Amino acid sequence: MSNIQTFRGDLPAHLQNVKLDDFTQAFKSSGGSIKRITLRGRVFRLVDGGKEIAKNTDPHMDVVIVSGSKTVQKAYYAGEYNADETSVPDCWSSDGERPDADVADPQAERCKDCPQAIKGSAGAGRAACRYSWRLGVALRNNVGGDIYQLILPQKSIFGQGDVEHMPFLQYAKYVAQSGYNLNMLSTRLSFDTDSDFPKLVFSNAEFLDKETYQTAVEQGQTQVAINAGRLNFTKKQTAAPVLPKLVAPAGSAAAEVKAAPDAIVEPTVRTTAKVKEAPKEKQNLAKLMDEWGDDE
């Protein structure tokens, strides 16, 4: 029987307005994992621990960007590319300049010299190494709630659009050059209806009120939000070493079984009789005493 009691409503006054610290905030997500927003099938899907927990079928979603990476990131998979890939890539870069230190088999010393970054390395004018950008966002209708990681594929990052349909970099520069922070306003995510694959475009929806803005600032300082902007890959495990095969000595029973696996090797009786040792001559105590006396 557990002696843990549920919390009651008699929280002391001095604790009623205390915000969760970074350490405690990290435990809000189940299993310690970062919740994500994926774009599969042109639907905004909320995912927790690899399981879809909700989805938004509206053509747009309003969020507040509270954190994110400051540079473009890169990842190379030797196998077929998957936009929702969560396994460890073969090579990756957190800053888009050089492979991370944890990469076991870097494809080049510098990303700009990498053969996997050349157009056509993946066929049809595509590069095998893909760009991405990670953002930490909160839902506009619950800014103080969960932080979600949003991974933008490269088609949602680069390019040019109009004021209502900008790729991320154009939108971020537009907001910054206007003198505002991204966490000061609500951002509308929409799908580009002219794209053959899920591609996001960005536009500003509205400025936040004072209280909501303060919440957004605090959310961006949590460890969960910071982690949402990072590449969280770990080094690939190396294959177990191949041990040399055991070779049975020639003429042994094991060698006979190997040579004829279907045959049953009958046990043989050892015919060599054990040679009995001749009984030792009994020692004469008097003689031993005499020998000891001679040594003195």
C-alpha atoms as a PDB file:
ATOM      1  CA  MET A   1       0.000   0.000   0.000  1.00  0.00           C
ATOM      2  CA  SER A   2       1.522   3.304  -1.059  1.00  0.00           C
ATOM      3  CA  ASN A   3       1.770   6.045   1.522  1.00  0.00           C
ATOM      4  CA  ILE A   4       1.988   8.743  -1.169  1.00  0.00           C
ATOM      5  CA  GLN A   5      -0.998  11.069  -0.950  1.00  0.00           C
ATOM      6  CA  THR A   6      -2.408  13.217  -3.724  1.00  0.00           C
ATOM      7  CA  PHE A   7      -1.900  16.955  -3.443  1.00  0.00           C
ATOM      8  CA  ARG A   8      -4.651  18.844  -1.670  1.00  0.00           C
ATOM      9  CA  GLY A   9      -5.854  22.393  -2.208  1.00  0.00           C
ATOM     10  CA  ASP A  10      -4.237  23.775   0.936  1.00  0.00           C
ATOM     11  CA  LEU A  11      -1.081  25.043  -0.823  1.00  0.00           C
ATOM     12  CA  PRO A  12       0.622  27.673   1.349  1.00  0.00           C
ATOM     13  CA  ALA A  13       0.291  31.239   0.095  1.00  0.00           C
ATOM     14  CA  HIS A  14       4.054  31.638  -0.419  1.00  0.00           C
ATOM     15  CA  LEU A  15       4.073  28.656  -2.863  1.00  0.00           C
ATOM     16  CA  GLN A  16       0.992  29.487  -4.898  1.00  0.00           C
ATOM     17  CA  ASN A  17       2.770  31.589  -7.533  1.00  0.00           C
ATOM     18  CA  VAL A  18       6.022  29.621  -7.763  1.00  0.00           C
ATOM     19  CA  LYS A  19       6.907  28.596 -11.324  1.00  0.00           C
ATOM     20  CA  LEU A  20       8.358  25.186 -12.145  1.00  0.00           C
ATOM     21  CA  ASP A  21      12.143  25.302 -12.216  1.00  0.00           C
ATOM     22  CA  ASP A  22      14.148  23.873 -15.117  1.00  0.00           C
ATOM     23  CA  PHE A  23      14.874  20.638 -13.268  1.00  0.00           C
ATOM     24  CA  THR A  24      11.227  19.879 -12.507  1.00  0.00           C
ATOM     25  CA  GLN A  25      10.000  21.139 -15.869  1.00  0.00           C
ATOM     26  CA  ALA A  26      12.047  18.450 -17.609  1.00  0.00           C
ATOM     27  CA  PHE A  27       9.845  15.764 -16.045  1.00  0.00           C
ATOM     28  CA  LYS A  28       6.544  17.105 -17.408  1.00  0.00           C
ATOM     29  CA  SER A  29       6.822  15.161 -20.648  1.00  0.00           C
ATOM     30  CA  SER A  30       6.044  11.474 -20.194  1.00  0.00           C
ATOM     31  CA  GLY A  31       9.152   9.343 -20.210  1.00  0.00           C
ATOM     32  CA  GLY A  32      11.328  12.469 -20.295  1.00  0.00           C
ATOM     33  CA  SER A  33      10.987  12.733 -24.097  1.00  0.00           C
ATOM     34  CA  ILE A  34      10.243  15.923 -26.016  1.00  0.00           C
ATOM     35  CA  LYS A  35       6.798  16.151 -27.514  1.00  0.00           C
ATOM     36  CA  ARG A  36       6.734  16.897 -31.227  1.00  0.00           C
ATOM     37  CA  ILE A  37       4.553  18.336 -33.962  1.00  0.00           C
ATOM     38  CA  THR A  38       4.829  16.338 -37.171  1.00  0.00           C
ATOM     39  CA  LEU A  39       3.474  17.187 -40.622  1.00  0.00           C
ATOM     40  CA  ARG A  40       2.700  13.746 -42.018  1.00  0.00           C
ATOM     41  CA  GLY A  41      -0.110  13.780 -44.585  1.00  0.00           C
ATOM     42  CA  ARG A  42      -0.403  17.596 -44.374  1.00  0.00           C
ATOM     43  CA  VAL A  43      -1.924  17.243 -40.926  1.00  0.00           C
ATOM     44  CA  PHE A  44      -0.564  18.812 -37.737  1.00  0.00           C
ATOM     45  CA  ARG A  45      -0.041  15.816 -35.459  1.00  0.00           C
ATOM     46  CA  LEU A  46       0.970  16.050 -31.796  1.00  0.00           C
ATOM     47  CA  VAL A  47       3.251  13.177 -30.873  1.00  0.00           C
ATOM     48  CA  ASP A  48       4.474  12.097 -27.451  1.00  0.00           C
ATOM     49  CA  GLY A  49       6.906   9.217 -27.025  1.00  0.00           C
ATOM     50  CA  GLY A  50       6.381   8.146 -30.645  1.00  0.00           C
ATOM     51  CA  LYS A  51       2.578   7.935 -30.237  1.00  0.00           C
ATOM     52  CA  GLU A  52       0.106  10.354 -31.757  1.00  0.00           C
ATOM     53  CA  ILE A  53      -1.904  11.994 -28.984  1.00  0.00           C
ATOM     54  CA  ALA A  54      -3.883  14.552 -31.016  1.00  0.00           C
ATOM     55  CA  LYS A  55      -4.138  16.084 -34.464  1.00  0.00           C
ATOM     56  CA  ASN A  56      -5.340  19.313 -36.002  1.00  0.00           C
ATOM     57  CA  THR A  57      -7.007  18.947 -39.382  1.00  0.00           C
ATOM     58  CA  ASP A  58      -7.407  22.714 -39.850  1.00  0.00           C
ATOM     59  CA  PRO A  59      -5.395  24.209 -42.722  1.00  0.00           C
ATOM     60  CA  HIS A  60      -3.341  26.219 -40.247  1.00  0.00           C
ATOM     61  CA  MET A  61      -2.106  26.181 -36.642  1.00  0.00           C
ATOM     62  CA  ASP A  62      -1.189  29.156 -34.446  1.00  0.00           C
ATOM     63  CA  VAL A  63       1.856  28.778 -32.197  1.00  0.00           C
ATOM     64  CA  VAL A  64       4.333  30.905 -30.267  1.00  0.00           C
ATOM     65  CA  ILE A  65       7.983  30.249 -31.117  1.00  0.00           C
ATOM     66  CA  VAL A  66       9.790  30.305 -27.757  1.00  0.00           C
ATOM     67  CA  SER A  67      13.149  28.752 -28.685  1.00  0.00           C
ATOM     68  CA  GLY A  68      15.060  27.063 -31.475  1.00  0.00           C
ATOM     69  CA  SER A  69      18.404  26.480 -33.107  1.00  0.00           C
ATOM     70  CA  LYS A  70      20.276  29.578 -34.273  1.00  0.00           C
ATOM     71  CA  THR A  71      21.733  27.883 -37.324  1.00  0.00           C
ATOM     72  CA  VAL A  72      20.632  25.388 -39.918  1.00  0.00           C
ATOM     73  CA  GLN A  73      21.339  21.743 -39.074  1.00  0.00           C
ATOM     74  CA  LYS A  74      22.259  18.856 -41.345  1.00  0.00           C
ATOM     75  CA  ALA A  75      21.794  15.089 -41.294  1.00  0.00           C
ATOM     76  CA  TYR A  76      22.830  12.353 -43.702  1.00  0.00           C
ATOM     77  CA  TYR A  77      21.198   8.930 -43.822  1.00  0.00           C
ATOM     78  CA  ALA A  78      22.856   6.268 -45.940  1.00  0.00           C
ATOM     79  CA  GLY A  79      19.429   4.627 -46.370  1.00  0.00           C
ATOM     80  CA  GLU A  80      16.270   6.110 -47.813  1.00  0.00           C
ATOM     81  CA  TYR A  81      15.390   9.538 -46.424  1.00  0.00           C
ATOM     82  CA  ASN A  82      12.358   9.854 -44.154  1.00  0.00           C
ATOM     83  CA  ALA A  83      11.121  13.293 -43.047  1.00  0.00           C
ATOM     84  CA  ASP A  84       9.911  11.806 -39.754  1.00  0.00           C
ATOM     85  CA  GLU A  85      13.167   9.917 -39.206  1.00  0.00           C
ATOM     86  CA  THR A  86      13.967   9.500 -35.532  1.00  0.00           C
ATOM     87  CA  SER A  87      16.817   6.988 -35.778  1.00  0.00           C
ATOM     88  CA  VAL A  88      20.462   8.026 -35.600  1.00  0.00           C
ATOM     89  CA  PRO A  89      21.783   9.313 -38.956  1.00  0.00           C
ATOM     90  CA  ASP A  90      25.131   8.250 -40.334  1.00  0.00           C
ATOM     91  CA  CYS A  91      26.486  11.800 -40.145  1.00  0.00           C
ATOM     92  CA  TRP A  92      25.106  15.060 -38.772  1.00  0.00           C
ATOM     93  CA  SER A  93      26.030  18.652 -37.964  1.00  0.00           C
ATOM     94  CA  SER A  94      24.501  20.945 -35.350  1.00  0.00           C
ATOM     95  CA  ASP A  95      25.859  24.105 -36.964  1.00  0.00           C
ATOM     96  CA  GLY A  96      25.849  23.170 -40.642  1.00  0.00           C
ATOM     97  CA  GLU A  97      29.618  23.712 -40.790  1.00  0.00           C
ATOM     98  CA  ARG A  98      31.302  20.583 -39.454  1.00  0.00           C
ATOM     99  CA  PRO A  99      30.193  17.108 -38.333  1.00  0.00           C
ATOM    100  CA  ASP A 100      29.488  16.846 -34.606  1.00  0.00           C
ATOM    101  CA  ALA A 101      32.128  15.264 -32.390  1.00  0.00           C
ATOM    102  CA  ASP A 102      29.877  12.249 -31.700  1.00  0.00           C
ATOM    103  CA  VAL A 103      29.729  11.230 -35.378  1.00  0.00           C
ATOM    104  CA  ALA A 104      31.498   7.902 -35.711  1.00  0.00           C
ATOM    105  CA  ASP A 105      32.028   8.104 -39.480  1.00  0.00           C
ATOM    106  CA  PRO A 106      32.094  11.760 -40.651  1.00  0.00           C
ATOM    107  CA  GLN A 107      31.637  12.063 -44.393  1.00  0.00           C
ATOM    108  CA  ALA A 108      34.017  15.040 -44.626  1.00  0.00           C
ATOM    109  CA  GLU A 109      35.983  17.369 -42.374  1.00  0.00           C
ATOM    110  CA  ARG A 110      33.818  20.335 -43.428  1.00  0.00           C
ATOM    111  CA  CYS A 111      30.230  20.234 -44.605  1.00  0.00           C
ATOM    112  CA  LYS A 112      30.898  22.459 -47.611  1.00  0.00           C
ATOM    113  CA  ASP A 113      33.445  19.909 -48.892  1.00  0.00           C
ATOM    114  CA  CYS A 114      31.210  16.895 -48.285  1.00  0.00           C
ATOM    115  CA  PRO A 115      30.309  14.747 -51.320  1.00  0.00           C
ATOM    116  CA  GLN A 116      26.932  13.992 -49.689  1.00  0.00           C
ATOM    117  CA  ALA A 117      26.055  17.719 -49.820  1.00  0.00           C
ATOM    118  CA  ILE A 118      26.436  17.968 -53.597  1.00  0.00           C
ATOM    119  CA  LYS A 119      23.251  18.154 -55.637  1.00  0.00           C
ATOM    120  CA  GLY A 120      22.721  14.859 -57.385  1.00  0.00           C
ATOM    121  CA  SER A 121      24.307  12.763 -54.624  1.00  0.00           C
ATOM    122  CA  ALA A 122      20.788  11.479 -53.890  1.00  0.00           C
ATOM    123  CA  GLY A 123      19.699  11.482 -57.547  1.00  0.00           C
ATOM    124  CA  ALA A 124      17.354  13.807 -59.459  1.00  0.00           C
ATOM    125  CA  GLY A 125      19.284  16.919 -58.447  1.00  0.00           C
ATOM    126  CA  ARG A 126      18.853  16.254 -54.724  1.00  0.00           C
ATOM    127  CA  ALA A 127      21.597  16.194 -52.108  1.00  0.00           C
ATOM    128  CA  ALA A 128      21.891  13.162 -49.828  1.00  0.00           C
ATOM    129  CA  CYS A 129      22.625  15.380 -46.809  1.00  0.00           C
ATOM    130  CA  ARG A 130      19.441  17.216 -45.783  1.00  0.00           C
ATOM    131  CA  TYR A 131      18.952  20.552 -44.067  1.00  0.00           C
ATOM    132  CA  SER A 132      16.595  20.964 -41.127  1.00  0.00           C
ATOM    133  CA  TRP A 133      15.747  23.537 -38.472  1.00  0.00           C
ATOM    134  CA  ARG A 134      14.423  22.737 -34.994  1.00  0.00           C
ATOM    135  CA  LEU A 135      12.043  25.028 -33.142  1.00  0.00           C
ATOM    136  CA  GLY A 136      10.508  24.913 -29.683  1.00  0.00           C
ATOM    137  CA  VAL A 137       6.896  26.086 -29.889  1.00  0.00           C
ATOM    138  CA  ALA A 138       3.896  26.398 -27.578  1.00  0.00           C
ATOM    139  CA  LEU A 139       0.319  26.249 -28.789  1.00  0.00           C
ATOM    140  CA  ARG A 140      -1.208  29.727 -28.998  1.00  0.00           C
ATOM    141  CA  ASN A 141      -4.228  28.673 -26.943  1.00  0.00           C
ATOM    142  CA  ASN A 142      -1.996  27.253 -24.192  1.00  0.00           C
ATOM    143  CA  VAL A 143       1.291  29.153 -24.129  1.00  0.00           C
ATOM    144  CA  GLY A 144       1.987  28.033 -20.563  1.00  0.00           C
ATOM    145  CA  GLY A 145       1.450  24.385 -21.451  1.00  0.00           C
ATOM    146  CA  ASP A 146       3.671  21.825 -23.155  1.00  0.00           C
ATOM    147  CA  ILE A 147       6.593  22.750 -25.379  1.00  0.00           C
ATOM    148  CA  TYR A 148       6.670  20.935 -28.719  1.00  0.00           C
ATOM    149  CA  GLN A 149       9.605  20.354 -31.026  1.00  0.00           C
ATOM    150  CA  LEU A 150       8.870  21.294 -34.628  1.00  0.00           C
ATOM    151  CA  ILE A 151      11.420  20.018 -37.163  1.00  0.00           C
ATOM    152  CA  LEU A 152      11.301  22.012 -40.392  1.00  0.00           C
ATOM    153  CA  PRO A 153      12.416  20.219 -43.573  1.00  0.00           C
ATOM    154  CA  GLN A 154      14.603  22.218 -45.945  1.00  0.00           C
ATOM    155  CA  LYS A 155      11.753  23.176 -48.298  1.00  0.00           C
ATOM    156  CA  SER A 156      10.097  24.937 -45.333  1.00  0.00           C
ATOM    157  CA  ILE A 157      13.300  26.849 -44.504  1.00  0.00           C
ATOM    158  CA  PHE A 158      14.608  28.450 -47.683  1.00  0.00           C
ATOM    159  CA  GLY A 159      13.067  30.411 -50.525  1.00  0.00           C
ATOM    160  CA  GLN A 160      10.898  33.490 -51.026  1.00  0.00           C
ATOM    161  CA  GLY A 161       7.179  34.084 -50.628  1.00  0.00           C
ATOM    162  CA  ASP A 162       4.675  36.875 -50.075  1.00  0.00           C
ATOM    163  CA  VAL A 163       3.910  38.347 -46.654  1.00  0.00           C
ATOM    164  CA  GLU A 164       1.292  35.671 -45.951  1.00  0.00           C
ATOM    165  CA  HIS A 165       3.314  32.718 -47.249  1.00  0.00           C
ATOM    166  CA  MET A 166       6.966  32.978 -46.213  1.00  0.00           C
ATOM    167  CA  PRO A 167       9.423  30.118 -45.580  1.00  0.00           C
ATOM    168  CA  PHE A 168      10.938  30.199 -42.110  1.00  0.00           C
ATOM    169  CA  LEU A 169      14.184  32.103 -42.748  1.00  0.00           C
ATOM    170  CA  GLN A 170      12.410  34.813 -44.702  1.00  0.00           C
ATOM    171  CA  TYR A 171       9.751  35.093 -41.981  1.00  0.00           C
ATOM    172  CA  ALA A 172      12.331  35.202 -39.130  1.00  0.00           C
ATOM    173  CA  LYS A 173      14.306  37.937 -40.897  1.00  0.00           C
ATOM    174  CA  TYR A 174      11.103  39.854 -41.619  1.00  0.00           C
ATOM    175  CA  VAL A 175      10.175  39.845 -37.917  1.00  0.00           C
ATOM    176  CA  ALA A 176      13.729  40.695 -36.772  1.00  0.00           C
ATOM    177  CA  GLN A 177      14.158  43.516 -39.280  1.00  0.00           C
ATOM    178  CA  SER A 178      10.862  44.959 -38.051  1.00  0.00           C
ATOM    179  CA  GLY A 179      12.405  45.196 -34.576  1.00  0.00           C
ATOM    180  CA  TYR A 180      10.522  42.350 -32.882  1.00  0.00           C
ATOM    181  CA  ASN A 181      11.342  39.023 -31.255  1.00  0.00           C
ATOM    182  CA  LEU A 182       9.635  35.861 -32.472  1.00  0.00           C
ATOM    183  CA  ASN A 183       8.265  35.231 -28.967  1.00  0.00           C
ATOM    184  CA  MET A 184       6.423  38.575 -28.993  1.00  0.00           C
ATOM    185  CA  LEU A 185       3.774  37.403 -31.423  1.00  0.00           C
ATOM    186  CA  SER A 186       1.657  34.499 -32.480  1.00  0.00           C
ATOM    187  CA  THR A 187       2.909  32.742 -35.628  1.00  0.00           C
ATOM    188  CA  ARG A 188       0.550  31.050 -38.054  1.00  0.00           C
ATOM    189  CA  LEU A 189       1.738  27.801 -39.647  1.00  0.00           C
ATOM    190  CA  SER A 190       0.047  26.867 -42.928  1.00  0.00           C
ATOM    191  CA  PHE A 191       0.612  24.214 -45.560  1.00  0.00           C
ATOM    192  CA  ASP A 192       1.684  25.293 -49.019  1.00  0.00           C
ATOM    193  CA  THR A 193      -1.168  23.973 -51.165  1.00  0.00           C
ATOM    194  CA  ASP A 194       1.004  24.106 -54.306  1.00  0.00           C
ATOM    195  CA  SER A 195       3.585  21.709 -52.893  1.00  0.00           C
ATOM    196  CA  ASP A 196       3.545  17.983 -53.600  1.00  0.00           C
ATOM    197  CA  PHE A 197       4.814  17.231 -50.084  1.00  0.00           C
ATOM    198  CA  PRO A 198       4.177  18.758 -46.634  1.00  0.00           C
ATOM    199  CA  LYS A 199       5.729  22.225 -46.766  1.00  0.00           C
ATOM    200  CA  LEU A 200       5.086  24.945 -44.202  1.00  0.00           C
ATOM    201  CA  VAL A 201       4.738  28.684 -44.779  1.00  0.00           C
ATOM    202  CA  PHE A 202       4.732  31.298 -42.000  1.00  0.00           C
ATOM    203  CA  SER A 203       2.894  34.517 -41.246  1.00  0.00           C
ATOM    204  CA  ASN A 204       2.332  36.647 -38.147  1.00  0.00           C
ATOM    205  CA  ALA A 205      -1.113  36.397 -36.564  1.00  0.00           C
ATOM    206  CA  GLU A 206      -1.095  38.866 -33.655  1.00  0.00           C
ATOM    207  CA  PHE A 207       1.004  40.366 -30.878  1.00  0.00           C
ATOM    208  CA  LEU A 208       0.794  38.793 -27.434  1.00  0.00           C
ATOM    209  CA  ASP A 209      -0.616  40.578 -24.409  1.00  0.00           C
ATOM    210  CA  LYS A 210       1.715  41.406 -21.521  1.00  0.00           C
ATOM    211  CA  GLU A 211       0.965  38.339 -19.399  1.00  0.00           C
ATOM    212  CA  THR A 212       1.155  35.877 -22.302  1.00  0.00           C
ATOM    213  CA  TYR A 213       4.404  37.402 -23.511  1.00  0.00           C
ATOM    214  CA  GLN A 214       5.973  37.001 -20.065  1.00  0.00           C
ATOM    215  CA  THR A 215       4.870  33.365 -20.049  1.00  0.00           C
ATOM    216  CA  ALA A 216       6.449  32.852 -23.483  1.00  0.00           C
ATOM    217  CA  VAL A 217       9.746  34.307 -22.234  1.00  0.00           C
ATOM    218  CA  GLU A 218       9.748  31.983 -19.229  1.00  0.00           C
ATOM    219  CA  GLN A 219       8.867  28.993 -21.397  1.00  0.00           C
ATOM    220  CA  GLY A 220      11.815  29.703 -23.672  1.00  0.00           C
ATOM    221  CA  GLN A 221      14.201  29.535 -20.720  1.00  0.00           C
ATOM    222  CA  THR A 222      13.190  26.029 -19.648  1.00  0.00           C
ATOM    223  CA  GLN A 223      15.422  23.060 -20.364  1.00  0.00           C
ATOM    224  CA  VAL A 224      12.685  21.379 -22.398  1.00  0.00           C
ATOM    225  CA  ALA A 225      12.530  24.376 -24.753  1.00  0.00           C
ATOM    226  CA  ILE A 226      16.318  24.515 -25.036  1.00  0.00           C
ATOM    227  CA  ASN A 227      16.476  20.800 -25.843  1.00  0.00           C
ATOM    228  CA  ALA A 228      13.797  21.212 -28.515  1.00  0.00           C
ATOM    229  CA  GLY A 229      16.213  23.273 -30.588  1.00  0.00           C
ATOM    230  CA  ARG A 230      19.060  20.800 -30.374  1.00  0.00           C
ATOM    231  CA  LEU A 231      20.064  17.778 -32.365  1.00  0.00           C
ATOM    232  CA  ASN A 232      19.764  15.004 -29.808  1.00  0.00           C
ATOM    233  CA  PHE A 233      21.417  12.191 -31.701  1.00  0.00           C
ATOM    234  CA  THR A 234      23.892   9.918 -29.953  1.00  0.00           C
ATOM    235  CA  LYS A 235      26.777   8.010 -31.414  1.00  0.00           C
ATOM    236  CA  LYS A 236      25.819   4.880 -33.319  1.00  0.00           C
ATOM    237  CA  GLN A 237      26.715   1.687 -31.551  1.00  0.00           C
ATOM    238  CA  THR A 238      29.492  -0.173 -33.297  1.00  0.00           C
ATOM    239  CA  ALA A 239      28.858  -3.739 -34.311  1.00  0.00           C
ATOM    240  CA  ALA A 240      30.011  -6.458 -31.938  1.00  0.00           C
ATOM    241  CA  PRO A 241      33.465  -7.783 -32.872  1.00  0.00           C
ATOM    242  CA  VAL A 242      33.494 -10.957 -34.946  1.00  0.00           C
ATOM    243  CA  LEU A 243      35.217 -13.681 -32.963  1.00  0.00           C
ATOM    244  CA  PRO A 244      37.358 -16.284 -34.761  1.00  0.00           C
ATOM    245  CA  LYS A 245      35.722 -19.659 -35.239  1.00  0.00           C
ATOM    246  CA  LEU A 246      36.826 -22.466 -32.991  1.00  0.00           C
ATOM    247  CA  VAL A 247      38.515 -25.283 -34.897  1.00  0.00           C
ATOM    248  CA  ALA A 248      38.391 -28.736 -33.381  1.00  0.00           C
ATOM    249  CA  PRO A 249      41.707 -30.625 -33.298  1.00  0.00           C
ATOM    250  CA  ALA A 250      42.075 -33.251 -36.009  1.00  0.00           C
ATOM    251  CA  GLY A 251      41.041 -36.685 -34.859  1.00  0.00           C
ATOM    252  CA  SER A 252      38.889 -35.391 -32.009  1.00  0.00           C
ATOM    253  CA  ALA A 253      35.240 -36.383 -31.540  1.00  0.00           C
ATOM    254  CA  ALA A 254      34.176 -32.788 -32.311  1.00  0.00           C
ATOM    255  CA  ALA A 255      36.022 -32.895 -35.624  1.00  0.00           C
ATOM    256  CA  GLU A 256      34.293 -36.168 -36.528  1.00  0.00           C
ATOM    257  CA  VAL A 257      30.864 -34.620 -35.824  1.00  0.00           C
ATOM    258  CA  LYS A 258      31.758 -31.606 -38.008  1.00  0.00           C
ATOM    259  CA  ALA A 259      32.846 -33.849 -40.820  1.00  0.00           C
ATOM    260  CA  ALA A 260      29.763 -36.080 -40.613  1.00  0.00           C
ATOM    261  CA  PRO A 261      27.004 -34.138 -38.805  1.00  0.00           C
ATOM    262  CA  ASP A 262      24.389 -36.804 -39.490  1.00  0.00           C
ATOM    263  CA  ALA A 263      26.479 -39.564 -38.045  1.00  0.00           C
ATOM    264  CA  ILE A 264      26.306 -40.489 -34.413  1.00  0.00           C
ATOM    265  CA  VAL A 265      29.710 -40.964 -32.902  1.00  0.00           C
ATOM    266  CA  GLU A 266      29.594 -43.875 -30.512  1.00  0.00           C
ATOM    267  CA  PRO A 267      31.566 -43.408 -27.323  1.00  0.00           C
ATOM    268  CA  THR A 268      34.664 -45.522 -27.207  1.00  0.00           C
ATOM    269  CA  VAL A 269      36.109 -47.321 -24.240  1.00  0.00           C
ATOM    270  CA  ARG A 270      39.615 -46.376 -23.322  1.00  0.00           C
ATOM    271  CA  THR A 271      41.698 -49.509 -23.781  1.00  0.00           C
ATOM    272  CA  THR A 272      44.951 -48.288 -22.340  1.00  0.00           C
ATOM    273  CA  ALA A 273      45.214 -49.758 -18.870  1.00  0.00           C
ATOM    274  CA  LYS A 274      46.590 -47.606 -16.160  1.00  0.00           C
ATOM    275  CA  VAL A 275      50.033 -48.788 -15.218  1.00  0.00           C
ATOM    276  CA  LYS A 276      50.229 -49.517 -11.562  1.00  0.00           C
ATOM    277  CA  GLU A 277      53.097 -47.923  -9.812  1.00  0.00           C
ATOM    278  CA  ALA A 278      55.446 -50.206  -7.912  1.00  0.00           C
ATOM    279  CA  PRO A 279      55.001 -49.957  -4.165  1.00  0.00           C
ATOM    280  CA  LYS A 280      57.502 -47.658  -2.572  1.00  0.00           C
ATOM    281  CA  GLU A 281      60.051 -49.157  -0.277  1.00  0.00           C
ATOM    282  CA  LYS A 282      59.201 -48.557   3.321  1.00  0.00           C
ATOM    283  CA  GLN A 283      61.437 -46.026   4.960  1.00  0.00           C
ATOM    284  CA  ASN A 284      63.531 -47.284   7.893  1.00  0.00           C
ATOM    285  CA  LEU A 285      63.230 -44.804  10.748  1.00  0.00           C
ATOM    286  CA  ALA A 286      66.600 -45.764  12.187  1.00  0.00           C
ATOM    287  CA  LYS A 287      68.273 -45.312   8.812  1.00  0.00           C
ATOM    288  CA  LEU A 288      66.719 -41.809   8.418  1.00  0.00           C
ATOM    289  CA  MET A 289      67.956 -40.862  11.866  1.00  0.00           C
ATOM    290  CA  ASP A 290      71.450 -42.016  10.923  1.00  0.00           C
ATOM    291  CA  GLU A 291      71.375 -39.931   7.703  1.00  0.00           C
ATOM    292  CA  TRP A 292      70.266 -36.808   9.592  1.00  0.00           C
ATOM    293  CA  GLY A 293      73.081 -37.481  12.063  1.00  0.00           C
ATOM    294  CA  ASP A 294      75.605 -37.637   9.213  1.00  0.00           C
ATOM    295  CA  ASP A 295      74.501 -34.182   7.921  1.00  0.00           C
ATOM    296  CA  GLU A 296      75.132 -32.445  11.223  1.00  0.00           C
END
